């Protein structure tokens, strides 16, 4: 036998199975927008050219094949230049990937509030009373008898909004996966037991057993491996990091973002819709942008939102201005972020929220903050001045009451209290939540703490007095209650008085029994404050209700 032919047969015997194994394990997308595909293509070209060169008895056929494969990868690198930020015109393209709607403090105060009812104004914010770390501890305690077979992945612990009992609830959900390879092999046909849910308001956790078992998970084997299952059904799709969600009925789903490149070959990553997988049956459905089911919360990956927001904030003056110039008009996101959930227009919305600061790391002032809808990519930039979230945490943790118990603060949520921007957070130890905190966002000088949200908010109102930016001193009015509504989520009462239906009064129910038992027709004497930033709203500092004997 010709030695070259023998070597050719050996090469084929090794190369073909190796390529198939690599494809099965690495699962590259057959897409020119994936650099991994170019590497796979380079390997295939190297083997093919080597074989052809051997058949033609060309010397150094293997070397020629290797050079050909490297040339394919080199072509990809050269073509990637069209995606570089310094390529003429690309900085503007990157800056425009996320259109920003500029809004002022007045818009923020009227659109997002934790002390108003959605019947009257804007969206209604839902403030969590437990964070991810405490939720993990709660969830781990719910495994019970299944702890040896299944485990939860702390990285896949998605906060989602669900509609229950006619209202919106926010929960964290984490799928249970196999604890090891042998368990996955033995339970392949049964699947995992279900998922764990932790309510972000009550802090209660529960194990939800899924009928039929969740057979398609990241820890499953062979064709039941989640990513392999998706990839073999969508070979050319560029995929983002998957998340786990439940619909309003509690049925679990995997949500895998589909991505596209919009600038050159590898740049300008943007959403191309989602791929949904039923973890029980493995059924797959792909939805274009805007066509996904209404209950889905996470359509666009968080890292994509962060990248686009960073470019939108920093590239308006071009890349030279951002890197080498005076950095005029250059801003960046804060070091951390949070999610806020609002109930507006009859549906839940999930928002990625982060402060906006200057690129100067020593600068602890807030230039505004951004809220980005994780489904629609609607991006709002509010020009709210004040201190950064990190500084707010430092102030809360420096309080002597906090130091004595060695408590740590959660990442703050910017909200509206009494007509001004305020940070909401809570303090915790390694085991449980200890105190709720409201802190004025403007200066951080007013720190209100309480064992409940109601007590903390009442303390904040006491500290604030008439110290609202653009506000007026307290005033007193007497009248008869015309309409009244109570928000059970944060124990806030909102009412109108006879003769002035255009004026909305907001009161913390903890201020007095007269507010707790307020009804239409009650005669009241109201002390209130107003802010020019929120015309038509009055914030109650005290209330006497003659009908209950005050």
Protein backbone atom coordinates (compact mmCIF):
# COMPACT_ATOMS: atom_id res chain seq x y z
CA UNK A 1 0.00 0.00 0.00
CA UNK A 2 1.14 3.52 -0.78
CA UNK A 3 2.37 5.09 2.51
CA UNK A 4 0.51 8.27 1.67
CA UNK A 5 -2.75 6.36 1.24
CA UNK A 6 -2.24 4.60 4.56
CA UNK A 7 -1.64 7.92 6.30
CA UNK A 8 -4.70 9.33 4.53
CA UNK A 9 -6.89 6.53 5.86
CA UNK A 10 -5.52 7.06 9.36
CA UNK A 11 -6.12 10.81 9.11
CA UNK A 12 -9.70 10.28 8.02
CA UNK A 13 -10.26 7.68 10.76
CA UNK A 14 -9.13 10.22 13.36
CA UNK A 15 -10.36 13.51 11.90
CA UNK A 16 -13.98 12.65 11.14
CA UNK A 17 -14.88 11.21 14.58
CA UNK A 18 -12.94 14.02 16.27
CA UNK A 19 -14.90 16.64 14.31
CA UNK A 20 -18.21 14.97 15.16
CA UNK A 21 -17.32 14.75 18.85
CA UNK A 22 -16.22 18.40 18.89
CA UNK A 23 -19.46 19.45 17.23
CA UNK A 24 -21.54 17.36 19.68
CA UNK A 25 -19.77 18.70 22.75
CA UNK A 26 -19.00 22.33 21.81
CA UNK A 27 -22.28 22.95 19.96
CA UNK A 28 -21.08 25.87 17.83
CA UNK A 29 -23.66 27.90 15.92
CA UNK A 30 -23.45 27.45 12.15
CA UNK A 31 -23.41 31.19 11.76
CA UNK A 32 -20.76 33.50 10.32
CA UNK A 33 -21.44 35.84 13.24
CA UNK A 34 -19.93 33.23 15.59
CA UNK A 35 -16.14 33.18 15.82
CA UNK A 36 -16.38 29.56 16.99
CA UNK A 37 -17.92 28.65 13.63
CA UNK A 38 -14.91 30.15 11.83
CA UNK A 39 -12.60 28.02 14.00
CA UNK A 40 -14.63 24.91 13.17
CA UNK A 41 -14.57 25.88 9.50
CA UNK A 42 -10.80 26.35 9.69
CA UNK A 43 -10.36 22.85 11.13
CA UNK A 44 -12.57 21.35 8.40
CA UNK A 45 -10.64 23.20 5.66
CA UNK A 46 -7.31 22.09 7.14
CA UNK A 47 -8.34 18.43 7.05
CA UNK A 48 -9.90 18.70 3.58
CA UNK A 49 -6.88 20.45 2.02
CA UNK A 50 -4.51 17.93 3.63
CA UNK A 51 -6.48 15.05 2.13
CA UNK A 52 -6.57 16.63 -1.35
CA UNK A 53 -2.86 17.41 -1.19
CA UNK A 54 -2.10 13.78 -0.27
CA UNK A 55 -4.25 12.48 -3.11
CA UNK A 56 -2.32 14.74 -5.49
CA UNK A 57 0.98 13.54 -3.95
CA UNK A 58 1.91 17.10 -2.98
CA UNK A 59 4.77 17.27 -0.50
CA UNK A 60 4.12 18.61 3.00
CA UNK A 61 0.41 18.16 2.54
CA UNK A 62 -0.32 18.36 6.27
CA UNK A 63 1.55 21.66 6.56
CA UNK A 64 -0.34 23.04 3.58
CA UNK A 65 -3.62 22.00 5.18
CA UNK A 66 -2.70 23.62 8.49
CA UNK A 67 -1.80 26.88 6.75
CA UNK A 68 -5.13 26.80 4.90
CA UNK A 69 -7.03 26.35 8.16
CA UNK A 70 -5.15 29.21 9.81
CA UNK A 71 -5.89 31.35 6.76
CA UNK A 72 -9.65 30.86 7.35
CA UNK A 73 -9.29 32.02 10.94
CA UNK A 74 -7.15 34.92 9.74
CA UNK A 75 -9.87 35.97 7.30
CA UNK A 76 -12.34 36.06 10.19
CA UNK A 77 -9.99 38.28 12.18
CA UNK A 78 -9.57 40.65 9.23
CA UNK A 79 -13.33 40.79 8.64
CA UNK A 80 -13.88 41.56 12.33
CA UNK A 81 -12.28 44.96 11.74
CA UNK A 82 -15.61 46.09 10.35
CA UNK A 83 -17.04 45.65 13.87
CA UNK A 84 -14.31 47.59 15.66
CA UNK A 85 -15.28 50.74 17.49
CA UNK A 86 -12.57 52.75 15.68
CA UNK A 87 -13.93 51.83 12.24
CA UNK A 88 -15.30 55.04 10.68
CA UNK A 89 -18.93 55.59 11.66
CA UNK A 90 -19.16 52.62 14.04
CA UNK A 91 -19.13 54.70 17.23
CA UNK A 92 -22.37 56.36 16.12
CA UNK A 93 -23.90 52.99 15.27
CA UNK A 94 -23.05 51.60 18.70
CA UNK A 95 -24.40 54.72 20.39
CA UNK A 96 -27.73 54.38 18.56
CA UNK A 97 -28.32 50.71 19.39
CA UNK A 98 -30.23 51.80 22.48
CA UNK A 99 -32.32 54.95 21.89
CA UNK A 100 -32.66 56.90 25.13
CA UNK A 101 -35.70 58.86 26.22
CA UNK A 102 -34.52 61.77 28.37
CA UNK A 103 -36.76 62.56 31.34
CA UNK A 104 -36.49 64.92 34.30
CA UNK A 105 -37.15 64.55 38.01
CA UNK A 106 -40.78 65.58 37.61
CA UNK A 107 -41.39 62.70 35.21
CA UNK A 108 -39.76 60.24 37.59
CA UNK A 109 -41.83 61.35 40.55
CA UNK A 110 -45.06 61.08 38.61
CA UNK A 111 -44.31 57.84 36.73
CA UNK A 112 -42.71 55.66 39.40
CA UNK A 113 -43.90 55.72 42.95
CA UNK A 114 -44.22 53.25 45.80
CA UNK A 115 -46.81 55.42 47.53
CA UNK A 116 -49.51 55.89 44.91
CA UNK A 117 -52.16 53.74 43.33
CA UNK A 118 -52.00 52.90 39.66
CA UNK A 119 -55.63 54.08 39.40
CA UNK A 120 -54.35 57.64 39.84
CA UNK A 121 -50.84 57.92 38.38
CA UNK A 122 -48.15 56.02 36.44
CA UNK A 123 -46.77 52.62 37.30
CA UNK A 124 -46.98 51.02 40.73
CA UNK A 125 -43.59 49.81 41.97
CA UNK A 126 -43.22 46.58 43.90
CA UNK A 127 -40.52 46.77 46.56
CA UNK A 128 -38.92 43.42 47.50
CA UNK A 129 -38.45 42.61 51.18
CA UNK A 130 -35.90 39.85 50.53
CA UNK A 131 -32.87 39.79 48.23
CA UNK A 132 -31.23 37.03 46.19
CA UNK A 133 -28.83 35.90 48.93
CA UNK A 134 -31.58 35.49 51.53
CA UNK A 135 -33.82 33.89 48.89
CA UNK A 136 -31.11 31.28 48.24
CA UNK A 137 -31.00 30.38 51.94
CA UNK A 138 -34.78 30.08 52.02
CA UNK A 139 -34.82 27.96 48.86
CA UNK A 140 -32.13 25.57 50.06
CA UNK A 141 -34.21 24.80 53.12
CA UNK A 142 -37.07 23.61 50.89
CA UNK A 143 -35.23 20.71 49.23
CA UNK A 144 -36.07 18.36 52.10
CA UNK A 145 -36.05 14.69 51.11
CA UNK A 146 -34.93 15.52 47.57
CA UNK A 147 -31.60 17.07 48.62
CA UNK A 148 -29.59 13.95 47.70
CA UNK A 149 -30.99 13.71 44.18
CA UNK A 150 -31.44 17.30 43.13
CA UNK A 151 -29.74 20.65 43.62
CA UNK A 152 -30.47 24.25 42.74
CA UNK A 153 -28.19 26.43 40.65
CA UNK A 154 -27.80 29.75 42.48
CA UNK A 155 -26.89 31.45 39.20
CA UNK A 156 -30.28 30.52 37.73
CA UNK A 157 -32.56 32.18 40.24
CA UNK A 158 -34.72 34.49 38.14
CA UNK A 159 -36.88 37.23 39.65
CA UNK A 160 -40.12 37.39 37.66
CA UNK A 161 -43.55 38.99 37.95
CA UNK A 162 -46.66 36.82 37.87
CA UNK A 163 -50.36 37.64 38.01
CA UNK A 164 -52.13 35.91 40.89
CA UNK A 165 -55.50 36.53 42.49
CA UNK A 166 -56.06 39.49 40.22
CA UNK A 167 -52.84 41.26 41.27
CA UNK A 168 -49.14 41.27 40.49
CA UNK A 169 -46.65 39.29 42.58
CA UNK A 170 -42.87 39.13 42.32
CA UNK A 171 -41.17 35.79 42.94
CA UNK A 172 -37.75 34.22 42.42
CA UNK A 173 -37.73 30.80 40.80
CA UNK A 174 -34.91 28.29 40.55
CA UNK A 175 -35.13 24.97 38.65
CA UNK A 176 -33.98 21.81 40.40
CA UNK A 177 -31.29 19.96 38.47
CA UNK A 178 -29.60 16.59 38.91
CA UNK A 179 -27.03 16.43 41.71
CA UNK A 180 -24.62 14.39 39.59
CA UNK A 181 -24.04 12.39 36.42
CA UNK A 182 -25.19 9.05 37.85
CA UNK A 183 -28.42 10.59 39.11
CA UNK A 184 -29.02 12.16 35.68
CA UNK A 185 -28.52 8.77 34.00
CA UNK A 186 -30.80 6.91 36.41
CA UNK A 187 -33.60 9.50 36.35
CA UNK A 188 -33.33 10.42 32.67
CA UNK A 189 -36.87 9.22 31.87
CA UNK A 190 -38.46 10.77 34.99
CA UNK A 191 -36.79 14.17 35.10
CA UNK A 192 -36.30 16.40 38.12
CA UNK A 193 -39.04 17.02 40.65
CA UNK A 194 -39.72 20.68 39.73
CA UNK A 195 -38.58 24.08 40.94
CA UNK A 196 -38.35 26.24 44.06
CA UNK A 197 -40.21 29.53 44.39
CA UNK A 198 -39.55 32.32 46.91
CA UNK A 199 -42.04 35.20 47.22
CA UNK A 200 -40.12 38.50 47.22
CA UNK A 201 -42.67 40.29 49.38
CA UNK A 202 -43.52 37.74 52.07
CA UNK A 203 -40.20 35.87 51.92
CA UNK A 204 -42.02 32.53 51.92
CA UNK A 205 -40.54 29.68 49.89
CA UNK A 206 -42.02 26.47 48.53
CA UNK A 207 -41.11 23.47 46.40
CA UNK A 208 -43.35 23.27 43.35
CA UNK A 209 -43.60 19.76 41.91
CA UNK A 210 -44.02 19.71 38.15
CA UNK A 211 -46.32 17.09 36.68
CA UNK A 212 -44.34 14.83 34.33
CA UNK A 213 -40.95 15.89 35.69
CA UNK A 214 -38.53 18.40 34.13
CA UNK A 215 -36.49 16.23 31.76
CA UNK A 216 -34.72 19.00 29.81
CA UNK A 217 -32.24 20.80 32.07
CA UNK A 218 -28.62 22.02 31.84
CA UNK A 219 -27.51 19.02 33.91
CA UNK A 220 -29.33 16.39 31.86
CA UNK A 221 -27.43 13.99 29.60
CA UNK A 222 -27.34 13.30 25.86
CA UNK A 223 -30.34 14.64 23.93
CA UNK A 224 -32.02 15.92 27.11
CA UNK A 225 -29.20 18.36 27.79
CA UNK A 226 -30.95 21.73 27.45
CA UNK A 227 -28.41 23.53 25.27
CA UNK A 228 -27.84 20.50 23.05
CA UNK A 229 -31.60 20.10 22.61
CA UNK A 230 -31.94 23.75 21.57
CA UNK A 231 -28.84 23.74 19.37
CA UNK A 232 -29.86 20.65 17.38
CA UNK A 233 -33.20 22.32 16.65
CA UNK A 234 -31.65 25.71 15.81
CA UNK A 235 -28.19 25.09 14.38
CA UNK A 236 -27.65 28.61 13.04
CA UNK A 237 -29.06 30.64 15.95
CA UNK A 238 -26.79 32.81 18.06
CA UNK A 239 -27.86 32.09 21.62
CA UNK A 240 -27.60 34.16 24.80
CA UNK A 241 -27.58 32.99 28.41
CA UNK A 242 -30.80 31.15 29.22
CA UNK A 243 -33.13 32.02 32.06
CA UNK A 244 -35.88 30.12 33.87
CA UNK A 245 -39.38 31.57 34.19
CA UNK A 246 -42.90 30.52 35.06
CA UNK A 247 -46.12 31.68 33.47
CA UNK A 248 -49.13 32.94 35.42
CA UNK A 249 -50.37 29.39 35.98
CA UNK A 250 -47.04 28.32 37.49
CA UNK A 251 -45.93 26.23 34.50
CA UNK A 252 -42.12 26.34 34.08
CA UNK A 253 -40.32 27.39 30.88
CA UNK A 254 -36.78 27.89 29.68
CA UNK A 255 -36.23 31.22 27.93
CA UNK A 256 -33.21 31.35 25.60
CA UNK A 257 -32.48 34.72 23.93
CA UNK A 258 -31.81 34.61 20.18
CA UNK A 259 -29.24 37.20 19.13
CA UNK A 260 -28.05 38.91 15.96
CA UNK A 261 -25.04 40.99 14.91
CA UNK A 262 -25.87 44.42 13.54
CA UNK A 263 -22.44 46.06 13.09
CA UNK A 264 -19.94 44.30 10.89
CA UNK A 265 -19.37 40.59 11.35
CA UNK A 266 -19.18 40.28 15.14
CA UNK A 267 -20.36 43.61 16.59
CA UNK A 268 -23.58 45.27 17.64
CA UNK A 269 -25.18 42.31 19.41
CA UNK A 270 -28.93 42.81 19.66
CA UNK A 271 -32.07 40.81 20.33
CA UNK A 272 -33.57 38.65 17.59
CA UNK A 273 -36.38 37.21 19.71
CA UNK A 274 -36.49 34.24 22.06
CA UNK A 275 -36.62 30.46 21.98
CA UNK A 276 -38.94 28.87 24.55
CA UNK A 277 -38.52 25.30 25.73
CA UNK A 278 -41.01 23.25 27.73
CA UNK A 279 -38.75 21.46 30.28
CA UNK A 280 -41.23 18.58 30.60
CA UNK A 281 -41.94 17.69 26.97
CA UNK A 282 -39.03 19.42 25.23
CA UNK A 283 -41.38 21.29 22.88
CA UNK A 284 -39.65 24.27 21.31
CA UNK A 285 -41.13 27.50 19.96
CA UNK A 286 -39.31 30.52 18.54
CA UNK A 287 -40.77 34.03 18.72
CA UNK A 288 -39.68 37.16 16.89
CA UNK A 289 -39.13 40.39 18.81
CA UNK A 290 -42.45 41.67 20.16
CA UNK A 291 -44.34 38.42 19.47
CA UNK A 292 -43.42 36.58 22.67
CA UNK A 293 -46.15 35.74 25.26
CA UNK A 294 -47.11 38.69 27.45
CA UNK A 295 -46.03 37.01 30.70
CA UNK A 296 -42.38 36.60 29.61
CA UNK A 297 -40.13 38.94 31.61
CA UNK A 298 -36.59 38.43 30.25
CA UNK A 299 -36.20 38.73 26.49
CA UNK A 300 -32.90 40.62 26.25
CA UNK A 301 -29.86 39.32 28.18
CA UNK A 302 -28.63 41.57 30.98
CA UNK A 303 -25.09 41.74 29.57
CA UNK A 304 -26.48 42.98 26.24
CA UNK A 305 -28.51 45.68 28.01
CA UNK A 306 -25.46 46.79 30.00
CA UNK A 307 -23.22 46.96 26.92
CA UNK A 308 -25.73 48.94 24.87
CA UNK A 309 -26.47 51.31 27.76
CA UNK A 310 -22.75 51.93 28.30
CA UNK A 311 -22.27 52.76 24.63
CA UNK A 312 -25.33 55.03 24.54
CA UNK A 313 -24.07 56.96 27.57
CA UNK A 314 -20.45 57.32 26.47
CA UNK A 315 -20.28 57.47 22.66
CA UNK A 316 -22.47 60.45 21.82
CA UNK A 317 -19.31 62.50 21.25
CA UNK A 318 -17.43 59.73 19.44
CA UNK A 319 -14.91 57.15 20.59
CA UNK A 320 -12.00 59.61 20.54
CA UNK A 321 -13.83 61.80 23.04
CA UNK A 322 -14.51 58.79 25.25
CA UNK A 323 -10.96 57.42 25.21
CA UNK A 324 -8.55 60.29 24.58
CA UNK A 325 -10.55 63.52 24.54
CA UNK A 326 -12.02 65.73 27.23
CA UNK A 327 -14.75 63.14 27.82
CA UNK A 328 -17.39 65.80 27.42
CA UNK A 329 -20.84 64.30 27.93
CA UNK A 330 -19.36 60.89 28.78
CA UNK A 331 -21.18 58.92 31.46
CA UNK A 332 -21.30 55.33 32.65
CA UNK A 333 -23.52 53.00 34.66
CA UNK A 334 -22.96 52.48 38.37
CA UNK A 335 -20.97 49.50 39.61
CA UNK A 336 -24.15 47.56 40.33
CA UNK A 337 -27.75 47.23 39.25
CA UNK A 338 -31.09 45.98 40.41
CA UNK A 339 -34.44 44.99 38.96
CA UNK A 340 -37.67 46.83 39.61
CA UNK A 341 -41.14 45.53 38.86
CA UNK A 342 -44.06 47.73 38.01
CA UNK A 343 -47.72 47.14 37.37
CA UNK A 344 -48.87 49.48 34.62
CA UNK A 345 -51.38 49.34 31.78
CA UNK A 346 -52.75 46.05 33.09
CA UNK A 347 -49.50 44.09 32.81
CA UNK A 348 -46.26 43.57 34.68
CA UNK A 349 -43.01 45.14 33.55
CA UNK A 350 -39.49 44.21 34.59
CA UNK A 351 -36.89 46.97 34.54
CA UNK A 352 -33.10 46.84 34.68
CA UNK A 353 -32.14 49.80 36.88
CA UNK A 354 -28.75 51.41 37.43
CA UNK A 355 -27.41 54.81 38.38
CA UNK A 356 -25.58 57.03 35.90
CA UNK A 357 -22.26 58.54 37.00
CA UNK A 358 -19.18 60.17 35.51
CA UNK A 359 -16.19 57.99 34.50
CA UNK A 360 -14.24 59.43 37.46
CA UNK A 361 -14.09 56.58 39.98
CA UNK A 362 -13.66 59.05 42.85
CA UNK A 363 -16.92 60.79 41.95
CA UNK A 364 -19.71 59.71 44.32
CA UNK A 365 -22.43 61.89 42.80
CA UNK A 366 -25.34 60.69 40.73
CA UNK A 367 -25.93 62.28 37.33
CA UNK A 368 -29.18 60.40 36.88
CA UNK A 369 -30.27 56.82 36.48
CA UNK A 370 -31.49 54.49 33.78
CA UNK A 371 -34.46 52.17 33.62
CA UNK A 372 -34.51 49.66 30.76
CA UNK A 373 -37.42 47.35 30.04
CA UNK A 374 -36.00 43.82 29.81
CA UNK A 375 -38.61 42.84 27.23
CA UNK A 376 -39.01 45.85 24.94
CA UNK A 377 -35.63 47.57 25.51
CA UNK A 378 -37.43 50.83 26.21
CA UNK A 379 -34.73 52.94 27.87
CA UNK A 380 -35.44 55.95 30.06
CA UNK A 381 -32.74 58.21 31.42
CA UNK A 382 -33.93 60.33 34.34
CA UNK A 383 -31.91 63.40 35.30
CA UNK A 384 -32.14 62.89 39.05
CA UNK A 385 -29.18 64.42 40.89
CA UNK A 386 -27.88 63.06 44.17
CA UNK A 387 -25.55 60.44 45.62
CA UNK A 388 -24.69 57.08 44.05
CA UNK A 389 -26.12 53.77 45.20
CA UNK A 390 -22.74 52.74 46.61
CA UNK A 391 -22.56 55.91 48.66
CA UNK A 392 -26.10 55.34 49.93
CA UNK A 393 -25.10 51.85 51.10
CA UNK A 394 -22.03 53.24 52.85
CA UNK A 395 -24.14 55.85 54.68
CA UNK A 396 -26.69 53.25 55.82
CA UNK A 397 -23.98 50.88 57.03
CA UNK A 398 -22.10 53.63 58.88
CA UNK A 399 -25.05 54.25 61.21
CA UNK A 400 -24.12 53.29 64.78
CA UNK A 401 -27.26 51.18 65.11
CA UNK A 402 -26.11 49.15 62.11
CA UNK A 403 -22.45 48.86 63.12
CA UNK A 404 -23.40 47.40 66.48
CA UNK A 405 -25.08 44.44 64.77
CA UNK A 406 -22.63 44.13 61.85
CA UNK A 407 -25.43 44.42 59.30
CA UNK A 408 -24.92 44.78 55.54
CA UNK A 409 -27.09 46.74 53.11
CA UNK A 410 -28.70 45.44 49.93
CA UNK A 411 -28.26 47.28 46.63
CA UNK A 412 -30.64 50.30 46.80
CA UNK A 413 -33.75 50.83 44.72
CA UNK A 414 -34.51 54.43 43.73
CA UNK A 415 -38.14 55.27 44.34
CA UNK A 416 -40.39 58.20 45.29
CA UNK A 417 -41.45 58.97 48.83
CA UNK A 418 -43.37 62.05 49.85
CA UNK A 419 -42.67 63.85 46.60
CA UNK A 420 -38.90 63.36 46.46
CA UNK A 421 -36.47 60.71 45.19
CA UNK A 422 -35.34 58.31 47.91
CA UNK A 423 -33.34 55.10 48.09
CA UNK A 424 -35.02 52.01 49.50
CA UNK A 425 -32.94 49.14 50.87
CA UNK A 426 -32.88 46.80 53.79
CA UNK A 427 -30.21 45.73 56.25
CA UNK A 428 -29.48 42.09 56.94
CA UNK A 429 -27.14 39.68 58.66
CA UNK A 430 -26.18 36.25 57.37
CA UNK A 431 -29.50 34.78 58.41
CA UNK A 432 -32.33 37.23 57.97
CA UNK A 433 -33.50 40.76 57.24
CA UNK A 434 -33.28 43.15 60.20
CA UNK A 435 -34.36 46.66 59.16
CA UNK A 436 -35.84 48.58 56.25
CA UNK A 437 -34.21 51.85 55.25
CA UNK A 438 -35.31 54.95 53.35
CA UNK A 439 -32.58 57.48 52.57
CA UNK A 440 -32.96 60.75 50.70
CA UNK A 441 -31.23 60.47 47.32
CA UNK A 442 -30.28 64.14 47.15
CA UNK A 443 -27.83 64.31 50.09
CA UNK A 444 -28.08 61.07 52.07
CA UNK A 445 -28.47 63.11 55.26
CA UNK A 446 -31.89 61.75 56.19
CA UNK A 447 -31.72 58.06 57.08
CA UNK A 448 -34.95 56.45 58.25
CA UNK A 449 -34.97 52.92 59.66
CA UNK A 450 -37.74 50.66 60.85
CA UNK A 451 -38.63 47.02 61.40
CA UNK A 452 -41.33 47.33 58.73
CA UNK A 453 -41.63 49.30 55.51
CA UNK A 454 -44.47 51.32 57.05
CA UNK A 455 -42.44 52.34 60.11
CA UNK A 456 -39.41 53.22 58.00
CA UNK A 457 -41.50 55.35 55.65
CA UNK A 458 -43.23 57.09 58.55
CA UNK A 459 -39.82 57.86 60.06
CA UNK A 460 -38.67 59.25 56.72
CA UNK A 461 -41.72 61.53 56.58
CA UNK A 462 -40.92 62.73 60.11
CA UNK A 463 -37.30 63.48 59.18
CA UNK A 464 -38.25 65.18 55.94
CA UNK A 465 -40.71 67.67 57.38
CA UNK A 466 -40.88 70.43 54.79
CA UNK A 467 -37.40 69.65 53.40
CA UNK A 468 -38.49 68.77 49.90
CA UNK A 469 -36.55 70.23 47.01
CA UNK A 470 -38.85 72.87 45.55
CA UNK A 471 -41.36 72.16 48.30
CA UNK A 472 -43.51 74.40 50.43
CA UNK A 473 -43.99 74.44 54.23
CA UNK A 474 -46.73 72.29 55.73
CA UNK A 475 -50.31 73.53 55.37
CA UNK A 476 -53.60 72.50 57.00
CA UNK A 477 -57.00 71.96 55.42
CA UNK A 478 -60.33 70.61 56.69
CA UNK A 479 -62.80 68.71 54.56
CA UNK A 480 -64.88 65.61 53.91
CA UNK A 481 -63.45 62.46 52.34
CA UNK A 482 -64.90 61.80 48.88
CA UNK A 483 -63.01 58.68 47.69
CA UNK A 484 -60.41 56.50 49.43
CA UNK A 485 -58.14 53.66 48.33
CA UNK A 486 -55.64 51.57 50.33
CA UNK A 487 -52.62 49.80 48.91
CA UNK A 488 -52.07 46.56 50.89
CA UNK A 489 -48.60 46.06 49.39
CA UNK A 490 -47.06 49.06 51.18
CA UNK A 491 -49.94 50.09 53.48
CA UNK A 492 -50.46 53.47 51.83
CA UNK A 493 -53.81 55.27 51.81
CA UNK A 494 -54.73 57.65 49.00
CA UNK A 495 -57.88 59.81 49.10
CA UNK A 496 -59.77 62.75 47.59
CA UNK A 497 -61.73 65.46 49.38
CA UNK A 498 -65.19 66.74 48.46
CA UNK A 499 -65.00 69.82 46.29
CA UNK A 500 -61.44 69.29 45.02
CA UNK A 501 -61.29 65.99 43.11
CA UNK A 502 -58.24 67.24 41.20
CA UNK A 503 -56.07 67.06 44.36
CA UNK A 504 -54.69 63.67 45.43
CA UNK A 505 -53.71 63.13 49.08
CA UNK A 506 -51.20 60.37 49.90
CA UNK A 507 -50.78 59.17 53.48
CA UNK A 508 -48.91 56.41 55.28
CA UNK A 509 -51.48 54.32 57.14
CA UNK A 510 -49.10 54.02 60.11
CA UNK A 511 -49.44 57.74 60.89
CA UNK A 512 -52.73 57.35 62.81
CA UNK A 513 -55.82 55.23 63.38
CA UNK A 514 -57.78 57.95 61.65
CA UNK A 515 -56.01 57.00 58.43
CA UNK A 516 -56.26 53.25 59.00
CA UNK A 517 -60.05 53.46 59.32
CA UNK A 518 -60.62 56.27 56.83
CA UNK A 519 -63.90 56.01 54.92
CA UNK A 520 -65.86 58.22 52.47
CA UNK A 521 -67.86 60.85 54.40
CA UNK A 522 -65.36 61.16 57.27
CA UNK A 523 -64.62 64.71 58.48
CA UNK A 524 -60.86 65.24 58.56
CA UNK A 525 -58.23 67.87 59.31
CA UNK A 526 -55.19 67.27 57.14
CA UNK A 527 -51.65 68.61 57.47
CA UNK A 528 -49.85 68.23 54.18
CA UNK A 529 -46.89 69.25 52.09
CA UNK A 530 -46.71 69.96 48.36
CA UNK A 531 -43.90 69.80 45.83
CA UNK A 532 -43.62 71.73 42.60
CA UNK A 533 -42.28 68.55 41.03
CA UNK A 534 -45.62 66.77 41.57
CA UNK A 535 -48.48 69.20 40.92
CA UNK A 536 -51.87 67.94 42.01
CA UNK A 537 -50.47 65.74 44.79
CA UNK A 538 -50.34 66.48 48.49
CA UNK A 539 -48.35 64.42 50.98
CA UNK A 540 -50.00 64.00 54.35
CA UNK A 541 -47.84 64.61 57.44
CA UNK A 542 -50.70 64.36 59.97
CA UNK A 543 -54.45 63.66 59.91
CA UNK A 544 -57.24 64.00 62.48
CA UNK A 545 -60.42 62.03 61.80
CA UNK A 546 -63.32 63.34 63.87
CA UNK A 547 -65.49 60.36 62.94
CA UNK A 548 -63.22 58.01 64.90
CA UNK A 549 -62.93 60.38 67.85
CA UNK A 550 -59.56 61.99 67.15
